[in-house]
């Protein structure tokens, strides 16, 4: 069972949860402040920074972008990147096919000696 910590400030004594409720802050915020070495005076009197709105992100000064338009922009960018990747893969496939056709007449595989003495597997077989 966790010990209840009582805080005294300006003649009043209350728990962390009680002080947080009085000040309109999250009890975890108050607890973290005290855990990080803040004095009781500072922890209870410092204003709580408001969290930014998670549903909106400022793009430019004065302009607000909605989550829907952000997602649509990300989709457009993703589709453009997919198209570019597909184009590059197709070009690579065409280039690779041409290289393979040119090298087939050279007999790269057909010139291996009949004696397997120069192959690395022969040392394993010995």
N, C-alpha and C. Protein backbone atom coordinates (compact mmCIF):
# COMPACT_ATOMS: atom_id res chain seq x y z
N UNK A 1 0.85 -1.18 0.00
CA UNK A 1 0.00 0.00 0.00
C UNK A 1 0.90 1.24 0.00
N UNK A 2 0.63 2.17 -0.88
CA UNK A 2 1.43 3.38 -0.99
C UNK A 2 1.11 4.35 0.15
N UNK A 3 2.14 5.01 0.63
CA UNK A 3 1.96 5.98 1.70
C UNK A 3 1.32 7.25 1.14
N UNK A 4 0.41 7.81 1.90
CA UNK A 4 -0.24 9.05 1.47
C UNK A 4 0.64 10.20 1.92
N UNK A 5 0.99 11.05 0.99
CA UNK A 5 1.87 12.18 1.29
C UNK A 5 1.01 13.43 1.50
N UNK A 6 1.18 14.05 2.64
CA UNK A 6 0.46 15.28 2.94
C UNK A 6 1.38 16.47 2.69
N UNK A 7 0.83 17.49 2.05
CA UNK A 7 1.59 18.70 1.74
C UNK A 7 0.99 19.87 2.50
N UNK A 8 1.86 20.65 3.14
CA UNK A 8 1.43 21.86 3.85
C UNK A 8 1.84 23.07 3.03
N UNK A 9 0.85 23.94 2.78
CA UNK A 9 1.14 25.15 2.01
C UNK A 9 0.18 26.24 2.45
N UNK A 10 0.71 27.38 2.86
CA UNK A 10 -0.08 28.55 3.28
C UNK A 10 -1.14 28.19 4.33
N UNK A 11 -0.75 27.36 5.30
CA UNK A 11 -1.65 27.02 6.40
C UNK A 11 -2.63 25.90 6.09
N UNK A 12 -2.62 25.36 4.90
CA UNK A 12 -3.53 24.27 4.53
C UNK A 12 -2.73 22.99 4.34
N UNK A 13 -3.30 21.87 4.76
CA UNK A 13 -2.67 20.57 4.57
C UNK A 13 -3.63 19.70 3.76
N UNK A 14 -3.09 19.04 2.75
CA UNK A 14 -3.91 18.17 1.90
C UNK A 14 -3.00 17.17 1.20
N UNK A 15 -3.61 16.18 0.59
CA UNK A 15 -2.85 15.19 -0.18
C UNK A 15 -2.51 15.77 -1.55
N UNK A 16 -1.67 15.04 -2.26
CA UNK A 16 -1.32 15.48 -3.63
C UNK A 16 -2.57 15.55 -4.49
N UNK A 17 -3.42 14.53 -4.38
CA UNK A 17 -4.66 14.51 -5.17
C UNK A 17 -5.57 15.67 -4.77
N UNK A 18 -5.63 15.96 -3.47
CA UNK A 18 -6.48 17.07 -3.00
C UNK A 18 -5.99 18.41 -3.51
N UNK A 19 -4.66 18.64 -3.42
CA UNK A 19 -4.10 19.89 -3.94
C UNK A 19 -4.32 20.00 -5.45
N UNK A 20 -4.13 18.91 -6.14
CA UNK A 20 -4.32 18.93 -7.60
C UNK A 20 -5.77 19.28 -7.93
N UNK A 21 -6.71 18.70 -7.19
CA UNK A 21 -8.13 18.99 -7.43
C UNK A 21 -8.42 20.46 -7.15
N UNK A 22 -7.86 20.99 -6.07
CA UNK A 22 -8.05 22.41 -5.73
C UNK A 22 -7.51 23.34 -6.81
N UNK A 23 -6.35 22.96 -7.36
CA UNK A 23 -5.68 23.83 -8.33
C UNK A 23 -6.09 23.56 -9.77
N UNK A 24 -6.89 22.51 -9.97
CA UNK A 24 -7.35 22.18 -11.32
C UNK A 24 -6.24 21.60 -12.20
N UNK A 25 -5.39 20.77 -11.61
CA UNK A 25 -4.32 20.14 -12.39
C UNK A 25 -4.38 18.63 -12.20
N UNK A 26 -3.68 17.94 -13.04
CA UNK A 26 -3.60 16.49 -12.96
C UNK A 26 -2.71 16.13 -11.77
N UNK A 27 -3.13 15.17 -10.93
CA UNK A 27 -2.29 14.77 -9.80
C UNK A 27 -0.91 14.26 -10.23
N UNK A 28 -0.84 13.63 -11.41
CA UNK A 28 0.46 13.16 -11.91
C UNK A 28 1.41 14.33 -12.17
N UNK A 29 0.87 15.44 -12.63
CA UNK A 29 1.70 16.63 -12.87
C UNK A 29 2.31 17.11 -11.57
N UNK A 30 1.50 17.19 -10.54
CA UNK A 30 1.99 17.64 -9.24
C UNK A 30 3.00 16.64 -8.68
N UNK A 31 2.70 15.36 -8.80
CA UNK A 31 3.62 14.33 -8.31
C UNK A 31 4.96 14.40 -9.03
N UNK A 32 4.92 14.57 -10.35
CA UNK A 32 6.17 14.66 -11.13
C UNK A 32 6.98 15.89 -10.76
N UNK A 33 6.30 16.98 -10.51
CA UNK A 33 7.01 18.19 -10.10
C UNK A 33 7.77 17.95 -8.80
N UNK A 34 7.10 17.35 -7.82
CA UNK A 34 7.75 17.08 -6.54
C UNK A 34 8.87 16.04 -6.69
N UNK A 35 8.63 15.02 -7.51
CA UNK A 35 9.63 13.98 -7.74
C UNK A 35 10.88 14.56 -8.40
N UNK A 36 10.69 15.57 -9.25
CA UNK A 36 11.82 16.19 -9.95
C UNK A 36 12.54 17.24 -9.10
N UNK A 37 12.16 17.36 -7.84
CA UNK A 37 12.89 18.23 -6.93
C UNK A 37 12.34 19.63 -6.78
N UNK A 38 11.15 19.89 -7.28
CA UNK A 38 10.55 21.21 -7.10
C UNK A 38 10.20 21.38 -5.62
N UNK A 39 10.26 22.60 -5.15
CA UNK A 39 9.80 22.88 -3.79
C UNK A 39 8.27 22.81 -3.79
N UNK A 40 7.71 22.61 -2.60
CA UNK A 40 6.24 22.54 -2.51
C UNK A 40 5.64 23.86 -2.96
N UNK A 41 6.26 24.97 -2.56
CA UNK A 41 5.79 26.31 -2.96
C UNK A 41 5.73 26.43 -4.47
N UNK A 42 6.83 26.07 -5.13
CA UNK A 42 6.89 26.21 -6.59
C UNK A 42 5.94 25.24 -7.28
N UNK A 43 5.88 23.98 -6.79
CA UNK A 43 5.03 22.96 -7.42
C UNK A 43 3.55 23.36 -7.37
N UNK A 44 3.15 24.00 -6.28
CA UNK A 44 1.75 24.37 -6.13
C UNK A 44 1.40 25.72 -6.76
N UNK A 45 2.39 26.58 -6.94
CA UNK A 45 2.08 27.92 -7.44
C UNK A 45 2.40 28.11 -8.92
N UNK A 46 3.24 27.27 -9.50
CA UNK A 46 3.58 27.43 -10.92
C UNK A 46 2.37 27.07 -11.77
N UNK A 47 2.08 27.89 -12.78
CA UNK A 47 0.93 27.59 -13.63
C UNK A 47 1.19 26.35 -14.48
N UNK A 48 0.12 25.68 -14.80
CA UNK A 48 0.21 24.50 -15.65
C UNK A 48 0.11 24.96 -17.09
N UNK A 49 1.09 24.56 -17.90
CA UNK A 49 1.04 24.93 -19.31
C UNK A 49 -0.08 24.14 -19.98
N UNK A 50 -0.93 24.80 -20.72
CA UNK A 50 -2.00 24.06 -21.41
C UNK A 50 -1.41 23.21 -22.50
N UNK A 51 -1.95 22.03 -22.66
CA UNK A 51 -1.52 21.16 -23.74
C UNK A 51 -2.01 21.73 -25.05
N UNK A 52 -1.19 21.56 -26.09
CA UNK A 52 -1.66 22.03 -27.39
C UNK A 52 -2.80 21.13 -27.84
N UNK A 53 -3.63 21.68 -28.65
CA UNK A 53 -4.76 20.90 -29.14
C UNK A 53 -4.23 19.81 -30.05
N UNK A 54 -4.58 18.57 -29.73
CA UNK A 54 -4.06 17.45 -30.51
C UNK A 54 -4.75 17.35 -31.86
N UNK A 55 -5.95 17.90 -32.00
CA UNK A 55 -6.67 17.81 -33.25
C UNK A 55 -6.25 18.82 -34.29
N UNK A 56 -5.45 19.82 -33.90
CA UNK A 56 -5.07 20.87 -34.84
C UNK A 56 -3.57 21.14 -34.73
N UNK A 57 -2.96 21.37 -35.86
CA UNK A 57 -1.54 21.70 -35.91
C UNK A 57 -1.39 22.99 -36.70
N UNK A 58 -0.65 23.94 -36.16
CA UNK A 58 -0.46 25.20 -36.87
C UNK A 58 0.54 25.00 -37.99
N UNK A 59 0.17 25.41 -39.19
CA UNK A 59 1.06 25.28 -40.33
C UNK A 59 1.86 26.57 -40.51
N UNK A 60 1.18 27.66 -40.69
CA UNK A 60 1.79 28.97 -40.83
C UNK A 60 1.14 29.88 -39.82
N UNK A 61 1.71 31.02 -39.67
CA UNK A 61 1.16 31.96 -38.70
C UNK A 61 -0.29 32.30 -39.06
N UNK A 62 -1.18 31.98 -38.14
CA UNK A 62 -2.58 32.30 -38.35
C UNK A 62 -3.37 31.24 -39.11
N UNK A 63 -2.69 30.27 -39.70
CA UNK A 63 -3.39 29.25 -40.49
C UNK A 63 -3.43 27.95 -39.68
N UNK A 64 -4.60 27.32 -39.63
CA UNK A 64 -4.76 26.08 -38.89
C UNK A 64 -5.19 24.99 -39.87
N UNK A 65 -4.52 23.85 -39.76
CA UNK A 65 -4.83 22.72 -40.66
C UNK A 65 -5.59 21.67 -39.86
N UNK A 66 -6.66 21.17 -40.43
CA UNK A 66 -7.44 20.14 -39.75
C UNK A 66 -6.79 18.78 -39.96
N UNK A 67 -7.07 17.82 -39.07
CA UNK A 67 -6.49 16.49 -39.23
C UNK A 67 -6.87 15.82 -40.55
N UNK A 68 -8.09 16.08 -41.01
CA UNK A 68 -8.53 15.47 -42.27
C UNK A 68 -7.69 15.92 -43.45
N UNK A 69 -7.38 17.22 -43.50
CA UNK A 69 -6.58 17.70 -44.62
C UNK A 69 -5.12 17.24 -44.48
N UNK A 70 -4.64 17.08 -43.24
CA UNK A 70 -3.29 16.54 -43.04
C UNK A 70 -3.21 15.12 -43.57
N UNK A 71 -4.21 14.31 -43.27
CA UNK A 71 -4.23 12.92 -43.72
C UNK A 71 -4.32 12.87 -45.24
N UNK A 72 -5.13 13.73 -45.82
CA UNK A 72 -5.26 13.75 -47.29
C UNK A 72 -3.93 14.13 -47.93
N UNK A 73 -3.22 15.09 -47.35
CA UNK A 73 -1.91 15.48 -47.88
C UNK A 73 -0.92 14.33 -47.76
N UNK A 74 -0.94 13.64 -46.63
CA UNK A 74 -0.04 12.50 -46.44
C UNK A 74 -0.35 11.40 -47.45
N UNK A 75 -1.64 11.16 -47.73
CA UNK A 75 -2.03 10.15 -48.72
C UNK A 75 -1.50 10.52 -50.10
N UNK A 76 -1.69 11.80 -50.47
CA UNK A 76 -1.21 12.26 -51.78
C UNK A 76 0.29 12.07 -51.91
N UNK A 77 1.02 12.46 -50.86
CA UNK A 77 2.47 12.29 -50.89
C UNK A 77 2.86 10.83 -50.96
N UNK A 78 2.14 9.99 -50.23
CA UNK A 78 2.44 8.57 -50.22
C UNK A 78 2.18 7.96 -51.60
N UNK A 79 1.08 8.34 -52.23
CA UNK A 79 0.77 7.81 -53.55
C UNK A 79 1.82 8.26 -54.57
N UNK A 80 2.25 9.50 -54.48
CA UNK A 80 3.29 10.00 -55.39
C UNK A 80 4.59 9.22 -55.20
N UNK A 81 4.94 8.94 -53.94
CA UNK A 81 6.15 8.17 -53.67
C UNK A 81 6.01 6.74 -54.17
N UNK A 82 4.83 6.14 -54.03
CA UNK A 82 4.60 4.80 -54.56
C UNK A 82 4.74 4.77 -56.07
N UNK A 83 4.18 5.77 -56.75
CA UNK A 83 4.30 5.82 -58.21
C UNK A 83 5.75 5.96 -58.65
N UNK A 84 6.51 6.80 -57.94
CA UNK A 84 7.92 6.99 -58.28
C UNK A 84 8.71 5.71 -58.04
N UNK A 85 8.42 5.01 -56.95
CA UNK A 85 9.11 3.75 -56.67
C UNK A 85 8.76 2.70 -57.72
N UNK A 86 7.50 2.63 -58.12
CA UNK A 86 7.09 1.69 -59.16
C UNK A 86 7.80 2.00 -60.46
N UNK A 87 7.90 3.27 -60.81
CA UNK A 87 8.59 3.66 -62.04
C UNK A 87 10.05 3.24 -62.00
N UNK A 88 10.71 3.47 -60.86
CA UNK A 88 12.11 3.10 -60.72
C UNK A 88 12.31 1.58 -60.79
N UNK A 89 11.41 0.83 -60.17
CA UNK A 89 11.52 -0.64 -60.22
C UNK A 89 11.31 -1.17 -61.63
N UNK A 90 10.37 -0.60 -62.35
CA UNK A 90 10.15 -1.02 -63.74
C UNK A 90 11.37 -0.72 -64.61
N UNK A 91 11.96 0.45 -64.42
CA UNK A 91 13.16 0.81 -65.18
C UNK A 91 14.31 -0.13 -64.83
N UNK A 92 14.46 -0.43 -63.55
CA UNK A 92 15.50 -1.37 -63.14
C UNK A 92 15.28 -2.73 -63.77
N UNK A 93 14.04 -3.20 -63.77
CA UNK A 93 13.71 -4.50 -64.35
C UNK A 93 14.05 -4.53 -65.84
N UNK A 94 13.72 -3.45 -66.57
CA UNK A 94 14.06 -3.39 -68.01
C UNK A 94 15.58 -3.41 -68.21
N UNK A 95 16.30 -2.59 -67.42
CA UNK A 95 17.76 -2.55 -67.54
C UNK A 95 18.38 -3.91 -67.21
N UNK A 96 17.87 -4.56 -66.18
CA UNK A 96 18.41 -5.85 -65.78
C UNK A 96 18.16 -6.90 -66.86
N UNK A 97 16.98 -6.86 -67.47
CA UNK A 97 16.68 -7.82 -68.55
C UNK A 97 17.64 -7.63 -69.72
N UNK A 98 17.94 -6.38 -70.06
CA UNK A 98 18.87 -6.11 -71.16
C UNK A 98 20.27 -6.62 -70.81
N UNK A 99 20.72 -6.40 -69.60
CA UNK A 99 22.04 -6.87 -69.18
C UNK A 99 22.10 -8.39 -69.22
N UNK A 100 21.06 -9.05 -68.77
CA UNK A 100 21.03 -10.52 -68.78
C UNK A 100 21.04 -11.06 -70.21
N UNK A 101 20.32 -10.42 -71.13
CA UNK A 101 20.30 -10.88 -72.52
C UNK A 101 21.69 -10.75 -73.15
N UNK A 102 22.38 -9.66 -72.87
CA UNK A 102 23.71 -9.45 -73.43
C UNK A 102 24.72 -10.44 -72.87
N UNK A 103 24.57 -10.84 -71.62
CA UNK A 103 25.56 -11.73 -71.01
C UNK A 103 25.29 -13.19 -71.29
N UNK A 104 24.13 -13.56 -71.80
CA UNK A 104 23.80 -14.96 -72.04
C UNK A 104 24.69 -15.57 -73.12
N UNK A 105 25.09 -14.82 -74.09
CA UNK A 105 25.90 -15.35 -75.17
C UNK A 105 27.37 -15.52 -74.81
N UNK A 106 27.78 -15.03 -73.69
CA UNK A 106 29.20 -15.09 -73.31
C UNK A 106 29.59 -16.41 -72.67
N UNK A 107 28.64 -17.20 -72.24
CA UNK A 107 28.96 -18.49 -71.64
C UNK A 107 29.61 -18.37 -70.28
N UNK A 108 29.14 -17.51 -69.47
CA UNK A 108 29.74 -17.29 -68.15
C UNK A 108 29.69 -18.57 -67.33
N UNK A 109 28.57 -19.26 -67.34
CA UNK A 109 28.43 -20.49 -66.56
C UNK A 109 29.05 -21.67 -67.29
N UNK A 110 29.05 -21.66 -68.60
CA UNK A 110 29.56 -22.79 -69.38
C UNK A 110 31.07 -22.93 -69.36
N UNK A 111 31.84 -21.96 -68.91
CA UNK A 111 33.29 -22.03 -68.91
C UNK A 111 33.89 -22.62 -67.64
N UNK A 112 33.07 -23.20 -66.76
CA UNK A 112 33.61 -23.79 -65.54
C UNK A 112 34.40 -25.04 -65.90
N UNK A 113 35.55 -25.25 -65.29
CA UNK A 113 36.33 -26.45 -65.59
C UNK A 113 35.63 -27.70 -65.10
N UNK A 114 35.91 -28.80 -65.77
CA UNK A 114 35.31 -30.07 -65.38
C UNK A 114 35.86 -30.54 -64.05
N UNK A 115 37.12 -30.21 -63.78
CA UNK A 115 37.75 -30.57 -62.52
C UNK A 115 37.27 -29.60 -61.44
N UNK A 116 36.82 -30.13 -60.34
CA UNK A 116 36.27 -29.28 -59.28
C UNK A 116 37.32 -28.88 -58.26
N UNK A 117 38.59 -28.93 -58.60
CA UNK A 117 39.66 -28.65 -57.64
C UNK A 117 39.68 -27.19 -57.21
N UNK A 118 39.21 -26.29 -58.05
CA UNK A 118 39.26 -24.87 -57.69
C UNK A 118 38.02 -24.39 -56.95
N UNK A 119 37.08 -25.28 -56.70
CA UNK A 119 35.86 -24.88 -56.01
C UNK A 119 36.01 -25.05 -54.50
N UNK A 120 35.35 -24.22 -53.75
CA UNK A 120 35.47 -24.26 -52.29
C UNK A 120 34.84 -25.50 -51.69
N UNK A 121 33.85 -26.11 -52.36
CA UNK A 121 33.20 -27.29 -51.83
C UNK A 121 34.11 -28.50 -51.81
N UNK A 122 35.13 -28.52 -52.67
CA UNK A 122 36.01 -29.67 -52.72
C UNK A 122 36.78 -29.84 -51.40
N UNK A 123 37.09 -28.76 -50.71
CA UNK A 123 37.78 -28.87 -49.44
C UNK A 123 36.88 -29.49 -48.38
N UNK A 124 35.59 -29.29 -48.50
CA UNK A 124 34.66 -29.90 -47.56
C UNK A 124 34.53 -31.39 -47.83
N UNK A 125 34.56 -31.76 -49.10
CA UNK A 125 34.37 -33.17 -49.46
C UNK A 125 35.59 -34.03 -49.11
N UNK A 126 36.78 -33.42 -49.02
CA UNK A 126 38.01 -34.17 -48.73
C UNK A 126 38.08 -34.75 -47.36
